[in-house]
Amino acid sequence: MPPDDTMQATHGNELDATRDGACACVIAAVELVAGLVVISRARQGSGADYYVAPPGTDWEDLEELTRLEVSSIDHGVERQLRARMRQKIAQITAGAENSRGIAGVAAFRELQIRLATVEPT
């Protein structure tokens, strides 16, 4: 169903709509593929946006959490999608925390969500 006028107005800021859509899509993909749910927003400097873990995990036990970095491209091509994924993997790796992570990129034009696991160094 195409969006009506109210939906269009609610998401009139293309950058915010793309970001928010990517968060929703990548979080849903991580839950479906890995069985992980969002526990909380990640700390500043962690290299990620969220902490995810299996349902029921104690959110205070950071060693049990996985960092999730989310990004999107709305008008990209395959080359740009690969480049964005490399950027997000590098961001997780460079973060202040040395824990496992997942980089997720939603590519809206291609109708794809890509996920990559990043192991601690």
PDB file of N, CA and C in Angstrom:
ATOM      1  N   MET A   1       0.842  -1.157   0.000  1.00  0.00           N
ATOM      2  CA  MET A   1       0.000   0.000   0.000  1.00  0.00           C
ATOM      3  C   MET A   1       0.899   1.236   0.000  1.00  0.00           C
ATOM      4  N   PRO A   2       0.711   2.160  -0.917  1.00  0.00           N
ATOM      5  CA  PRO A   2       1.518   3.379  -0.945  1.00  0.00           C
ATOM      6  C   PRO A   2       1.177   4.274   0.255  1.00  0.00           C
ATOM      7  N   PRO A   3       2.143   5.075   0.696  1.00  0.00           N
ATOM      8  CA  PRO A   3       1.891   5.944   1.850  1.00  0.00           C
ATOM      9  C   PRO A   3       0.868   7.029   1.514  1.00  0.00           C
ATOM     10  N   ASP A   4       0.016   7.326   2.504  1.00  0.00           N
ATOM     11  CA  ASP A   4      -0.953   8.406   2.309  1.00  0.00           C
ATOM     12  C   ASP A   4      -0.306   9.741   2.700  1.00  0.00           C
ATOM     13  N   ASP A   5      -1.054  10.821   2.624  1.00  0.00           N
ATOM     14  CA  ASP A   5      -0.521  12.159   2.895  1.00  0.00           C
ATOM     15  C   ASP A   5       0.007  12.287   4.326  1.00  0.00           C
ATOM     16  N   THR A   6      -0.684  11.699   5.282  1.00  0.00           N
ATOM     17  CA  THR A   6      -0.235  11.765   6.681  1.00  0.00           C
ATOM     18  C   THR A   6       1.102  11.052   6.849  1.00  0.00           C
ATOM     19  N   MET A   7       1.231   9.875   6.257  1.00  0.00           N
ATOM     20  CA  MET A   7       2.499   9.143   6.329  1.00  0.00           C
ATOM     21  C   MET A   7       3.621   9.932   5.668  1.00  0.00           C
ATOM     22  N   GLN A   8       3.332  10.521   4.526  1.00  0.00           N
ATOM     23  CA  GLN A   8       4.331  11.323   3.818  1.00  0.00           C
ATOM     24  C   GLN A   8       4.796  12.486   4.689  1.00  0.00           C
ATOM     25  N   ALA A   9       3.857  13.182   5.326  1.00  0.00           N
ATOM     26  CA  ALA A   9       4.192  14.338   6.151  1.00  0.00           C
ATOM     27  C   ALA A   9       4.981  13.927   7.392  1.00  0.00           C
ATOM     28  N   THR A  10       4.640  12.780   7.960  1.00  0.00           N
ATOM     29  CA  THR A  10       5.313  12.304   9.169  1.00  0.00           C
ATOM     30  C   THR A  10       6.780  12.010   8.901  1.00  0.00           C
ATOM     31  N   HIS A  11       7.074  11.546   7.717  1.00  0.00           N
ATOM     32  CA  HIS A  11       8.452  11.194   7.364  1.00  0.00           C
ATOM     33  C   HIS A  11       8.969  12.104   6.256  1.00  0.00           C
ATOM     34  N   GLY A  12       8.678  13.391   6.369  1.00  0.00           N
ATOM     35  CA  GLY A  12       9.056  14.362   5.359  1.00  0.00           C
ATOM     36  C   GLY A  12      10.550  14.649   5.290  1.00  0.00           C
ATOM     37  N   ASN A  13      11.274  14.364   6.367  1.00  0.00           N
ATOM     38  CA  ASN A  13      12.716  14.562   6.390  1.00  0.00           C
ATOM     39  C   ASN A  13      13.364  13.281   5.878  1.00  0.00           C
ATOM     40  N   GLU A  14      13.882  13.317   4.663  1.00  0.00           N
ATOM     41  CA  GLU A  14      14.410  12.109   4.019  1.00  0.00           C
ATOM     42  C   GLU A  14      15.546  11.471   4.805  1.00  0.00           C
ATOM     43  N   LEU A  15      16.447  12.281   5.373  1.00  0.00           N
ATOM     44  CA  LEU A  15      17.565  11.716   6.131  1.00  0.00           C
ATOM     45  C   LEU A  15      17.078  10.975   7.371  1.00  0.00           C
ATOM     46  N   ASP A  16      16.163  11.591   8.123  1.00  0.00           N
ATOM     47  CA  ASP A  16      15.628  10.933   9.316  1.00  0.00           C
ATOM     48  C   ASP A  16      14.840   9.686   8.949  1.00  0.00           C
ATOM     49  N   ALA A  17      14.039   9.773   7.901  1.00  0.00           N
ATOM     50  CA  ALA A  17      13.240   8.622   7.488  1.00  0.00           C
ATOM     51  C   ALA A  17      14.136   7.459   7.070  1.00  0.00           C
ATOM     52  N   THR A  18      15.215   7.750   6.365  1.00  0.00           N
ATOM     53  CA  THR A  18      16.150   6.707   5.946  1.00  0.00           C
ATOM     54  C   THR A  18      16.831   6.084   7.154  1.00  0.00           C
ATOM     55  N   ARG A  19      17.289   6.926   8.076  1.00  0.00           N
ATOM     56  CA  ARG A  19      17.947   6.425   9.294  1.00  0.00           C
ATOM     57  C   ARG A  19      16.997   5.573  10.126  1.00  0.00           C
ATOM     58  N   ASP A  20      15.804   6.094  10.372  1.00  0.00           N
ATOM     59  CA  ASP A  20      14.841   5.372  11.204  1.00  0.00           C
ATOM     60  C   ASP A  20      14.401   4.073  10.540  1.00  0.00           C
ATOM     61  N   GLY A  21      14.211   4.117   9.227  1.00  0.00           N
ATOM     62  CA  GLY A  21      13.847   2.901   8.501  1.00  0.00           C
ATOM     63  C   GLY A  21      14.942   1.857   8.570  1.00  0.00           C
ATOM     64  N   ALA A  22      16.192   2.295   8.465  1.00  0.00           N
ATOM     65  CA  ALA A  22      17.319   1.364   8.553  1.00  0.00           C
ATOM     66  C   ALA A  22      17.375   0.716   9.924  1.00  0.00           C
ATOM     67  N   CYS A  23      17.181   1.497  10.970  1.00  0.00           N
ATOM     68  CA  CYS A  23      17.188   0.932  12.323  1.00  0.00           C
ATOM     69  C   CYS A  23      16.121  -0.149  12.453  1.00  0.00           C
ATOM     70  N   ALA A  24      14.909   0.149  12.026  1.00  0.00           N
ATOM     71  CA  ALA A  24      13.819  -0.815  12.134  1.00  0.00           C
ATOM     72  C   ALA A  24      14.119  -2.082  11.340  1.00  0.00           C
ATOM     73  N   CYS A  25      14.588  -1.919  10.113  1.00  0.00           N
ATOM     74  CA  CYS A  25      14.839  -3.079   9.243  1.00  0.00           C
ATOM     75  C   CYS A  25      16.011  -3.923   9.738  1.00  0.00           C
ATOM     76  N   VAL A  26      17.108  -3.278  10.114  1.00  0.00           N
ATOM     77  CA  VAL A  26      18.292  -4.027  10.556  1.00  0.00           C
ATOM     78  C   VAL A  26      18.015  -4.717  11.888  1.00  0.00           C
ATOM     79  N   ILE A  27      17.354  -4.036  12.810  1.00  0.00           N
ATOM     80  CA  ILE A  27      17.025  -4.657  14.101  1.00  0.00           C
ATOM     81  C   ILE A  27      16.133  -5.881  13.878  1.00  0.00           C
ATOM     82  N   ALA A  28      15.151  -5.772  13.003  1.00  0.00           N
ATOM     83  CA  ALA A  28      14.280  -6.913  12.702  1.00  0.00           C
ATOM     84  C   ALA A  28      15.076  -8.054  12.069  1.00  0.00           C
ATOM     85  N   ALA A  29      16.006  -7.726  11.174  1.00  0.00           N
ATOM     86  CA  ALA A  29      16.824  -8.755  10.523  1.00  0.00           C
ATOM     87  C   ALA A  29      17.715  -9.470  11.531  1.00  0.00           C
ATOM     88  N   VAL A  30      18.299  -8.724  12.449  1.00  0.00           N
ATOM     89  CA  VAL A  30      19.163  -9.331  13.475  1.00  0.00           C
ATOM     90  C   VAL A  30      18.352 -10.272  14.358  1.00  0.00           C
ATOM     91  N   GLU A  31      17.134  -9.879  14.684  1.00  0.00           N
ATOM     92  CA  GLU A  31      16.291 -10.765  15.484  1.00  0.00           C
ATOM     93  C   GLU A  31      15.945 -12.038  14.707  1.00  0.00           C
ATOM     94  N   LEU A  32      15.586 -11.889  13.436  1.00  0.00           N
ATOM     95  CA  LEU A  32      15.217 -13.053  12.632  1.00  0.00           C
ATOM     96  C   LEU A  32      16.399 -13.976  12.348  1.00  0.00           C
ATOM     97  N   VAL A  33      17.542 -13.401  12.009  1.00  0.00           N
ATOM     98  CA  VAL A  33      18.697 -14.195  11.592  1.00  0.00           C
ATOM     99  C   VAL A  33      19.491 -14.732  12.779  1.00  0.00           C
ATOM    100  N   ALA A  34      19.702 -13.883  13.793  1.00  0.00           N
ATOM    101  CA  ALA A  34      20.580 -14.259  14.901  1.00  0.00           C
ATOM    102  C   ALA A  34      19.839 -14.527  16.208  1.00  0.00           C
ATOM    103  N   GLY A  35      18.567 -14.222  16.268  1.00  0.00           N
ATOM    104  CA  GLY A  35      17.811 -14.433  17.502  1.00  0.00           C
ATOM    105  C   GLY A  35      18.161 -13.452  18.598  1.00  0.00           C
ATOM    106  N   LEU A  36      18.699 -12.293  18.221  1.00  0.00           N
ATOM    107  CA  LEU A  36      19.111 -11.279  19.194  1.00  0.00           C
ATOM    108  C   LEU A  36      18.124 -10.118  19.183  1.00  0.00           C
ATOM    109  N   VAL A  37      17.899  -9.537  20.359  1.00  0.00           N
ATOM    110  CA  VAL A  37      17.003  -8.392  20.486  1.00  0.00           C
ATOM    111  C   VAL A  37      17.778  -7.218  21.070  1.00  0.00           C
ATOM    112  N   VAL A  38      17.284  -6.019  20.830  1.00  0.00           N
ATOM    113  CA  VAL A  38      17.933  -4.823  21.371  1.00  0.00           C
ATOM    114  C   VAL A  38      17.742  -4.786  22.882  1.00  0.00           C
ATOM    115  N   ILE A  39      18.835  -4.588  23.587  1.00  0.00           N
ATOM    116  CA  ILE A  39      18.817  -4.469  25.044  1.00  0.00           C
ATOM    117  C   ILE A  39      18.839  -3.001  25.448  1.00  0.00           C
ATOM    118  N   SER A  40      19.681  -2.211  24.745  1.00  0.00           N
ATOM    119  CA  SER A  40      19.777  -0.778  25.053  1.00  0.00           C
ATOM    120  C   SER A  40      20.547  -0.070  23.948  1.00  0.00           C
ATOM    121  N   ARG A  41      20.540   1.251  24.034  1.00  0.00           N
ATOM    122  CA  ARG A  41      21.415   2.042  23.173  1.00  0.00           C
ATOM    123  C   ARG A  41      22.839   1.823  23.647  1.00  0.00           C
ATOM    124  N   ALA A  42      23.781   1.891  22.723  1.00  0.00           N
ATOM    125  CA  ALA A  42      25.187   1.698  23.073  1.00  0.00           C
ATOM    126  C   ALA A  42      25.776   2.981  23.648  1.00  0.00           C
ATOM    127  N   ARG A  43      26.839   2.804  24.376  1.00  0.00           N
ATOM    128  CA  ARG A  43      27.545   3.939  24.971  1.00  0.00           C
ATOM    129  C   ARG A  43      28.261   4.739  23.891  1.00  0.00           C
ATOM    130  N   GLN A  44      28.381   6.037  24.124  1.00  0.00           N
ATOM    131  CA  GLN A  44      29.134   6.907  23.219  1.00  0.00           C
ATOM    132  C   GLN A  44      30.559   6.387  23.103  1.00  0.00           C
ATOM    133  N   GLY A  45      31.060   6.281  21.897  1.00  0.00           N
ATOM    134  CA  GLY A  45      32.427   5.821  21.668  1.00  0.00           C
ATOM    135  C   GLY A  45      32.565   4.316  21.563  1.00  0.00           C
ATOM    136  N   SER A  46      31.465   3.577  21.723  1.00  0.00           N
ATOM    137  CA  SER A  46      31.531   2.113  21.672  1.00  0.00           C
ATOM    138  C   SER A  46      31.765   1.601  20.255  1.00  0.00           C
ATOM    139  N   GLY A  47      31.494   2.441  19.265  1.00  0.00           N
ATOM    140  CA  GLY A  47      31.609   2.015  17.876  1.00  0.00           C
ATOM    141  C   GLY A  47      30.318   1.459  17.321  1.00  0.00           C
ATOM    142  N   ALA A  48      29.229   1.595  18.089  1.00  0.00           N
ATOM    143  CA  ALA A  48      27.957   1.021  17.653  1.00  0.00           C
ATOM    144  C   ALA A  48      26.793   1.868  18.146  1.00  0.00           C
ATOM    145  N   ASP A  49      25.607   1.505  17.657  1.00  0.00           N
ATOM    146  CA  ASP A  49      24.386   2.206  18.034  1.00  0.00           C
ATOM    147  C   ASP A  49      23.628   1.530  19.161  1.00  0.00           C
ATOM    148  N   TYR A  50      23.654   0.200  19.179  1.00  0.00           N
ATOM    149  CA  TYR A  50      22.838  -0.572  20.116  1.00  0.00           C
ATOM    150  C   TYR A  50      23.639  -1.728  20.691  1.00  0.00           C
ATOM    151  N   TYR A  51      23.142  -2.253  21.816  1.00  0.00           N
ATOM    152  CA  TYR A  51      23.592  -3.539  22.331  1.00  0.00           C
ATOM    153  C   TYR A  51      22.459  -4.527  22.098  1.00  0.00           C
ATOM    154  N   VAL A  52      22.807  -5.710  21.580  1.00  0.00           N
ATOM    155  CA  VAL A  52      21.822  -6.765  21.360  1.00  0.00           C
ATOM    156  C   VAL A  52      22.289  -8.024  22.080  1.00  0.00           C
ATOM    157  N   ALA A  53      21.322  -8.887  22.393  1.00  0.00           N
ATOM    158  CA  ALA A  53      21.620 -10.131  23.109  1.00  0.00           C
ATOM    159  C   ALA A  53      20.417 -11.052  22.974  1.00  0.00           C
ATOM    160  N   PRO A  54      20.594 -12.314  23.351  1.00  0.00           N
ATOM    161  CA  PRO A  54      19.429 -13.205  23.359  1.00  0.00           C
ATOM    162  C   PRO A  54      18.380 -12.675  24.343  1.00  0.00           C
ATOM    163  N   PRO A  55      17.111 -12.901  24.062  1.00  0.00           N
ATOM    164  CA  PRO A  55      16.064 -12.445  24.978  1.00  0.00           C
ATOM    165  C   PRO A  55      16.330 -12.948  26.397  1.00  0.00           C
ATOM    166  N   GLY A  56      16.101 -12.085  27.385  1.00  0.00           N
ATOM    167  CA  GLY A  56      16.281 -12.449  28.780  1.00  0.00           C
ATOM    168  C   GLY A  56      17.665 -12.192  29.324  1.00  0.00           C
ATOM    169  N   THR A  57      18.608 -11.735  28.493  1.00  0.00           N
ATOM    170  CA  THR A  57      19.965 -11.459  28.947  1.00  0.00           C
ATOM    171  C   THR A  57      19.973 -10.243  29.864  1.00  0.00           C
ATOM    172  N   ASP A  58      20.796 -10.294  30.917  1.00  0.00           N
ATOM    173  CA  ASP A  58      20.941  -9.167  31.838  1.00  0.00           C
ATOM    174  C   ASP A  58      21.687  -8.053  31.120  1.00  0.00           C
ATOM    175  N   TRP A  59      21.051  -6.916  30.947  1.00  0.00           N
ATOM    176  CA  TRP A  59      21.641  -5.825  30.176  1.00  0.00           C
ATOM    177  C   TRP A  59      22.855  -5.212  30.860  1.00  0.00           C
ATOM    178  N   GLU A  60      23.048  -5.454  32.139  1.00  0.00           N
ATOM    179  CA  GLU A  60      24.208  -4.886  32.839  1.00  0.00           C
ATOM    180  C   GLU A  60      25.487  -5.676  32.602  1.00  0.00           C
ATOM    181  N   ASP A  61      25.378  -6.879  32.061  1.00  0.00           N
ATOM    182  CA  ASP A  61      26.540  -7.723  31.806  1.00  0.00           C
ATOM    183  C   ASP A  61      27.047  -7.460  30.395  1.00  0.00           C
ATOM    184  N   LEU A  62      27.882  -6.428  30.248  1.00  0.00           N
ATOM    185  CA  LEU A  62      28.345  -6.009  28.928  1.00  0.00           C
ATOM    186  C   LEU A  62      29.092  -7.103  28.172  1.00  0.00           C
ATOM    187  N   GLU A  63      29.731  -8.032  28.880  1.00  0.00           N
ATOM    188  CA  GLU A  63      30.470  -9.090  28.203  1.00  0.00           C
ATOM    189  C   GLU A  63      29.551 -10.032  27.443  1.00  0.00           C
ATOM    190  N   GLU A  64      28.292 -10.086  27.821  1.00  0.00           N
ATOM    191  CA  GLU A  64      27.334 -10.957  27.146  1.00  0.00           C
ATOM    192  C   GLU A  64      26.631 -10.265  25.985  1.00  0.00           C
ATOM    193  N   LEU A  65      26.849  -8.974  25.832  1.00  0.00           N
ATOM    194  CA  LEU A  65      26.150  -8.209  24.811  1.00  0.00           C
ATOM    195  C   LEU A  65      26.965  -8.115  23.526  1.00  0.00           C
ATOM    196  N   THR A  66      26.283  -7.964  22.430  1.00  0.00           N
ATOM    197  CA  THR A  66      26.892  -7.759  21.122  1.00  0.00           C
ATOM    198  C   THR A  66      26.554  -6.347  20.677  1.00  0.00           C
ATOM    199  N   ARG A  67      27.550  -5.640  20.169  1.00  0.00           N
ATOM    200  CA  ARG A  67      27.294  -4.290  19.659  1.00  0.00           C
ATOM    201  C   ARG A  67      26.684  -4.382  18.264  1.00  0.00           C
ATOM    202  N   LEU A  68      25.740  -3.503  17.983  1.00  0.00           N
ATOM    203  CA  LEU A  68      25.099  -3.445  16.664  1.00  0.00           C
ATOM    204  C   LEU A  68      25.238  -2.039  16.104  1.00  0.00           C
ATOM    205  N   GLU A  69      25.893  -1.937  14.961  1.00  0.00           N
ATOM    206  CA  GLU A  69      26.031  -0.672  14.249  1.00  0.00           C
ATOM    207  C   GLU A  69      25.121  -0.718  13.026  1.00  0.00           C
ATOM    208  N   VAL A  70      24.289   0.307  12.886  1.00  0.00           N
ATOM    209  CA  VAL A  70      23.295   0.352  11.817  1.00  0.00           C
ATOM    210  C   VAL A  70      23.602   1.508  10.878  1.00  0.00           C
ATOM    211  N   SER A  71      23.425   1.253   9.585  1.00  0.00           N
ATOM    212  CA  SER A  71      23.559   2.308   8.599  1.00  0.00           C
ATOM    213  C   SER A  71      22.636   1.996   7.431  1.00  0.00           C
ATOM    214  N   SER A  72      22.585   2.941   6.501  1.00  0.00           N
ATOM    215  CA  SER A  72      21.717   2.746   5.339  1.00  0.00           C
ATOM    216  C   SER A  72      22.255   3.521   4.148  1.00  0.00           C
ATOM    217  N   ILE A  73      21.797   3.086   3.000  1.00  0.00           N
ATOM    218  CA  ILE A  73      21.956   3.875   1.791  1.00  0.00           C
ATOM    219  C   ILE A  73      20.605   3.825   1.099  1.00  0.00           C
ATOM    220  N   ASP A  74      20.179   4.953   0.589  1.00  0.00           N
ATOM    221  CA  ASP A  74      18.854   4.965  -0.029  1.00  0.00           C
ATOM    222  C   ASP A  74      18.903   5.022  -1.547  1.00  0.00           C
ATOM    223  N   HIS A  75      19.976   5.539  -2.105  1.00  0.00           N
ATOM    224  CA  HIS A  75      20.067   5.650  -3.560  1.00  0.00           C
ATOM    225  C   HIS A  75      21.378   5.061  -4.071  1.00  0.00           C
ATOM    226  N   GLY A  76      21.880   4.054  -3.397  1.00  0.00           N
ATOM    227  CA  GLY A  76      23.193   3.539  -3.742  1.00  0.00           C
ATOM    228  C   GLY A  76      23.171   2.404  -4.735  1.00  0.00           C
ATOM    229  N   VAL A  77      24.363   2.018  -5.122  1.00  0.00           N
ATOM    230  CA  VAL A  77      24.573   0.865  -5.984  1.00  0.00           C
ATOM    231  C   VAL A  77      25.440  -0.130  -5.207  1.00  0.00           C
ATOM    232  N   GLU A  78      25.663  -1.290  -5.791  1.00  0.00           N
ATOM    233  CA  GLU A  78      26.398  -2.355  -5.111  1.00  0.00           C
ATOM    234  C   GLU A  78      27.741  -1.879  -4.558  1.00  0.00           C
ATOM    235  N   ARG A  79      28.470  -1.123  -5.345  1.00  0.00           N
ATOM    236  CA  ARG A  79      29.789  -0.633  -4.912  1.00  0.00           C
ATOM    237  C   ARG A  79      29.660   0.216  -3.641  1.00  0.00           C
ATOM    238  N   GLN A  80      28.652   1.081  -3.593  1.00  0.00           N
ATOM    239  CA  GLN A  80      28.435   1.926  -2.419  1.00  0.00           C
ATOM    240  C   GLN A  80      27.998   1.102  -1.214  1.00  0.00           C
ATOM    241  N   LEU A  81      27.214   0.077  -1.454  1.00  0.00           N
ATOM    242  CA  LEU A  81      26.780  -0.798  -0.375  1.00  0.00           C
ATOM    243  C   LEU A  81      27.970  -1.519   0.249  1.00  0.00           C
ATOM    244  N   ARG A  82      28.854  -2.048  -0.573  1.00  0.00           N
ATOM    245  CA  ARG A  82      30.057  -2.706  -0.054  1.00  0.00           C
ATOM    246  C   ARG A  82      30.940  -1.727   0.705  1.00  0.00           C
ATOM    247  N   ALA A  83      31.079  -0.516   0.175  1.00  0.00           N
ATOM    248  CA  ALA A  83      31.896   0.501   0.851  1.00  0.00           C
ATOM    249  C   ALA A  83      31.308   0.877   2.203  1.00  0.00           C
ATOM    250  N   ARG A  84      30.002   1.039   2.269  1.00  0.00           N
ATOM    251  CA  ARG A  84      29.363   1.379   3.550  1.00  0.00           C
ATOM    252  C   ARG A  84      29.542   0.259   4.567  1.00  0.00           C
ATOM    253  N   MET A  85      29.439  -0.973   4.111  1.00  0.00           N
ATOM    254  CA  MET A  85      29.639  -2.094   5.027  1.00  0.00           C
ATOM    255  C   MET A  85      31.072  -2.099   5.561  1.00  0.00           C
ATOM    256  N   ARG A  86      32.044  -1.837   4.707  1.00  0.00           N
ATOM    257  CA  ARG A  86      33.438  -1.759   5.175  1.00  0.00           C
ATOM    258  C   ARG A  86      33.603  -0.652   6.213  1.00  0.00           C
ATOM    259  N   GLN A  87      32.966   0.501   5.982  1.00  0.00           N
ATOM    260  CA  GLN A  87      33.032   1.612   6.940  1.00  0.00           C
ATOM    261  C   GLN A  87      32.459   1.215   8.291  1.00  0.00           C
ATOM    262  N   LYS A  88      31.339   0.534   8.289  1.00  0.00           N
ATOM    263  CA  LYS A  88      30.678   0.161   9.537  1.00  0.00           C
ATOM    264  C   LYS A  88      31.465  -0.908  10.289  1.00  0.00           C
ATOM    265  N   ILE A  89      32.071  -1.842   9.562  1.00  0.00           N
ATOM    266  CA  ILE A  89      32.930  -2.839  10.200  1.00  0.00           C
ATOM    267  C   ILE A  89      34.127  -2.151  10.839  1.00  0.00           C
ATOM    268  N   ALA A  90      34.730  -1.198  10.129  1.00  0.00           N
ATOM    269  CA  ALA A  90      35.866  -0.445  10.673  1.00  0.00           C
ATOM    270  C   ALA A  90      35.451   0.352  11.906  1.00  0.00           C
ATOM    271  N   GLN A  91      34.255   0.917  11.892  1.00  0.00           N
ATOM    272  CA  GLN A  91      33.776   1.687  13.041  1.00  0.00           C
ATOM    273  C   GLN A  91      33.643   0.799  14.273  1.00  0.00           C
ATOM    274  N   ILE A  92      33.080  -0.383  14.102  1.00  0.00           N
ATOM    275  CA  ILE A  92      32.959  -1.304  15.235  1.00  0.00           C
ATOM    276  C   ILE A  92      34.340  -1.691  15.744  1.00  0.00           C
ATOM    277  N   THR A  93      35.249  -2.012  14.829  1.00  0.00           N
ATOM    278  CA  THR A  93      36.600  -2.428  15.197  1.00  0.00           C
ATOM    279  C   THR A  93      37.345  -1.323  15.941  1.00  0.00           C
ATOM    280  N   ALA A  94      37.137  -0.071  15.545  1.00  0.00           N
ATOM    281  CA  ALA A  94      37.838   1.060  16.159  1.00  0.00           C
ATOM    282  C   ALA A  94      37.174   1.538  17.449  1.00  0.00           C
ATOM    283  N   GLY A  95      36.017   1.013  17.788  1.00  0.00           N
ATOM    284  CA  GLY A  95      35.303   1.455  18.983  1.00  0.00           C
ATOM    285  C   GLY A  95      36.091   1.192  20.254  1.00  0.00           C
ATOM    286  N   ALA A  96      35.733   1.907  21.308  1.00  0.00           N
ATOM    287  CA  ALA A  96      36.435   1.804  22.585  1.00  0.00           C
ATOM    288  C   ALA A  96      36.238   0.444  23.248  1.00  0.00           C
ATOM    289  N   GLU A  97      35.210  -0.281  22.873  1.00  0.00           N
ATOM    290  CA  GLU A  97      34.955  -1.588  23.469  1.00  0.00           C
ATOM    291  C   GLU A  97      35.498  -2.683  22.563  1.00  0.00           C
ATOM    292  N   ASN A  98      36.032  -3.712  23.173  1.00  0.00           N
ATOM    293  CA  ASN A  98      36.580  -4.832  22.414  1.00  0.00           C
ATOM    294  C   ASN A  98      35.669  -6.041  22.602  1.00  0.00           C
ATOM    295  N   SER A  99      34.480  -5.949  22.062  1.00  0.00           N
ATOM    296  CA  SER A  99      33.528  -7.052  22.136  1.00  0.00           C
ATOM    297  C   SER A  99      33.004  -7.327  20.737  1.00  0.00           C
ATOM    298  N   ARG A 100      32.358  -8.461  20.599  1.00  0.00           N
ATOM    299  CA  ARG A 100      31.841  -8.810  19.276  1.00  0.00           C
ATOM    300  C   ARG A 100      30.819  -7.777  18.823  1.00  0.00           C
ATOM    301  N   GLY A 101      30.652  -7.723  17.517  1.00  0.00           N
ATOM    302  CA  GLY A 101      29.715  -6.758  16.972  1.00  0.00           C
ATOM    303  C   GLY A 101      29.065  -7.265  15.704  1.00  0.00           C
ATOM    304  N   ILE A 102      28.032  -6.561  15.308  1.00  0.00           N
ATOM    305  CA  ILE A 102      27.356  -6.825  14.045  1.00  0.00           C
ATOM    306  C   ILE A 102      27.198  -5.492  13.331  1.00  0.00           C
ATOM    307  N   ALA A 103      27.622  -5.455  12.081  1.00  0.00           N
ATOM    308  CA  ALA A 103      27.383  -4.285  11.237  1.00  0.00           C
ATOM    309  C   ALA A 103      26.191  -4.623  10.357  1.00  0.00           C
ATOM    310  N   GLY A 104      25.233  -3.715  10.297  1.00  0.00           N
ATOM    311  CA  GLY A 104      24.062  -3.930   9.468  1.00  0.00           C
ATOM    312  C   GLY A 104      23.803  -2.726   8.588  1.00  0.00           C
ATOM    313  N   VAL A 105      23.621  -2.974   7.305  1.00  0.00           N
ATOM    314  CA  VAL A 105      23.334  -1.896   6.357  1.00  0.00           C
ATOM    315  C   VAL A 105      22.060  -2.244   5.592  1.00  0.00           C
ATOM    316  N   ALA A 106      21.122  -1.322   5.613  1.00  0.00           N
ATOM    317  CA  ALA A 106      19.899  -1.459   4.824  1.00  0.00           C
ATOM    318  C   ALA A 106      20.089  -0.667   3.537  1.00  0.00           C
ATOM    319  N   ALA A 107      19.918  -1.341   2.427  1.00  0.00           N
ATOM    320  CA  ALA A 107      20.026  -0.699   1.114  1.00  0.00           C
ATOM    321  C   ALA A 107      18.626  -0.668   0.515  1.00  0.00           C
ATOM    322  N   PHE A 108      17.994   0.477   0.586  1.00  0.00           N
ATOM    323  CA  PHE A 108      16.588   0.566   0.221  1.00  0.00           C
ATOM    324  C   PHE A 108      16.341   0.426  -1.278  1.00  0.00           C
ATOM    325  N   ARG A 109      17.205   0.977  -2.094  1.00  0.00           N
ATOM    326  CA  ARG A 109      17.011   0.851  -3.548  1.00  0.00           C
ATOM    327  C   ARG A 109      17.137  -0.601  -3.995  1.00  0.00           C
ATOM    328  N   GLU A 110      18.098  -1.313  -3.391  1.00  0.00           N
ATOM    329  CA  GLU A 110      18.340  -2.705  -3.738  1.00  0.00           C
ATOM    330  C   GLU A 110      17.425  -3.656  -2.985  1.00  0.00           C
ATOM    331  N   LEU A 111      16.677  -3.141  -2.022  1.00  0.00           N
ATOM    332  CA  LEU A 111      15.802  -3.962  -1.179  1.00  0.00           C
ATOM    333  C   LEU A 111      16.601  -5.070  -0.505  1.00  0.00           C
ATOM    334  N   GLN A 112      17.727  -4.680   0.118  1.00  0.00           N
ATOM    335  CA  GLN A 112      18.612  -5.633   0.776  1.00  0.00           C
ATOM    336  C   GLN A 112      18.962  -5.158   2.173  1.00  0.00           C
ATOM    337  N   ILE A 113      19.224  -6.122   3.025  1.00  0.00           N
ATOM    338  CA  ILE A 113      19.827  -5.853   4.333  1.00  0.00           C
ATOM    339  C   ILE A 113      21.038  -6.767   4.423  1.00  0.00           C
ATOM    340  N   ARG A 114      22.178  -6.180   4.684  1.00  0.00           N
ATOM    341  CA  ARG A 114      23.403  -6.966   4.821  1.00  0.00           C
ATOM    342  C   ARG A 114      23.860  -6.893   6.268  1.00  0.00           C
ATOM    343  N   LEU A 115      24.280  -8.043   6.784  1.00  0.00           N
ATOM    344  CA  LEU A 115      24.790  -8.135   8.133  1.00  0.00           C
ATOM    345  C   LEU A 115      26.180  -8.764   8.083  1.00  0.00           C
ATOM    346  N   ALA A 116      27.085  -8.268   8.927  1.00  0.00           N
ATOM    347  CA  ALA A 116      28.420  -8.854   9.031  1.00  0.00           C
ATOM    348  C   ALA A 116      28.793  -8.935  10.494  1.00  0.00           C
ATOM    349  N   THR A 117      29.288 -10.087  10.916  1.00  0.00           N
ATOM    350  CA  THR A 117      29.736 -10.269  12.280  1.00  0.00           C
ATOM    351  C   THR A 117      31.184  -9.820  12.403  1.00  0.00           C
ATOM    352  N   VAL A 118      31.473  -9.080  13.477  1.00  0.00           N
ATOM    353  CA  VAL A 118      32.819  -8.581  13.732  1.00  0.00           C
ATOM    354  C   VAL A 118      33.274  -9.179  15.066  1.00  0.00           C
ATOM    355  N   GLU A 119      34.312  -9.987  15.016  1.00  0.00           N
ATOM    356  CA  GLU A 119      34.831 -10.619  16.241  1.00  0.00           C
ATOM    357  C   GLU A 119      35.830  -9.698  16.930  1.00  0.00           C
ATOM    358  N   PRO A 120      35.942  -9.819  18.264  1.00  0.00           N
ATOM    359  CA  PRO A 120      36.919  -8.991  18.988  1.00  0.00           C
ATOM    360  C   PRO A 120      38.339  -9.270  18.513  1.00  0.00           C
ATOM    361  N   THR A 121      39.165  -8.255  18.602  1.00  0.00           N
ATOM    362  CA  THR A 121      40.567  -8.415  18.180  1.00  0.00           C
ATOM    363  C   THR A 121      41.445  -8.830  19.334  1.00  0.00           C
TER     364      THR A 121
END
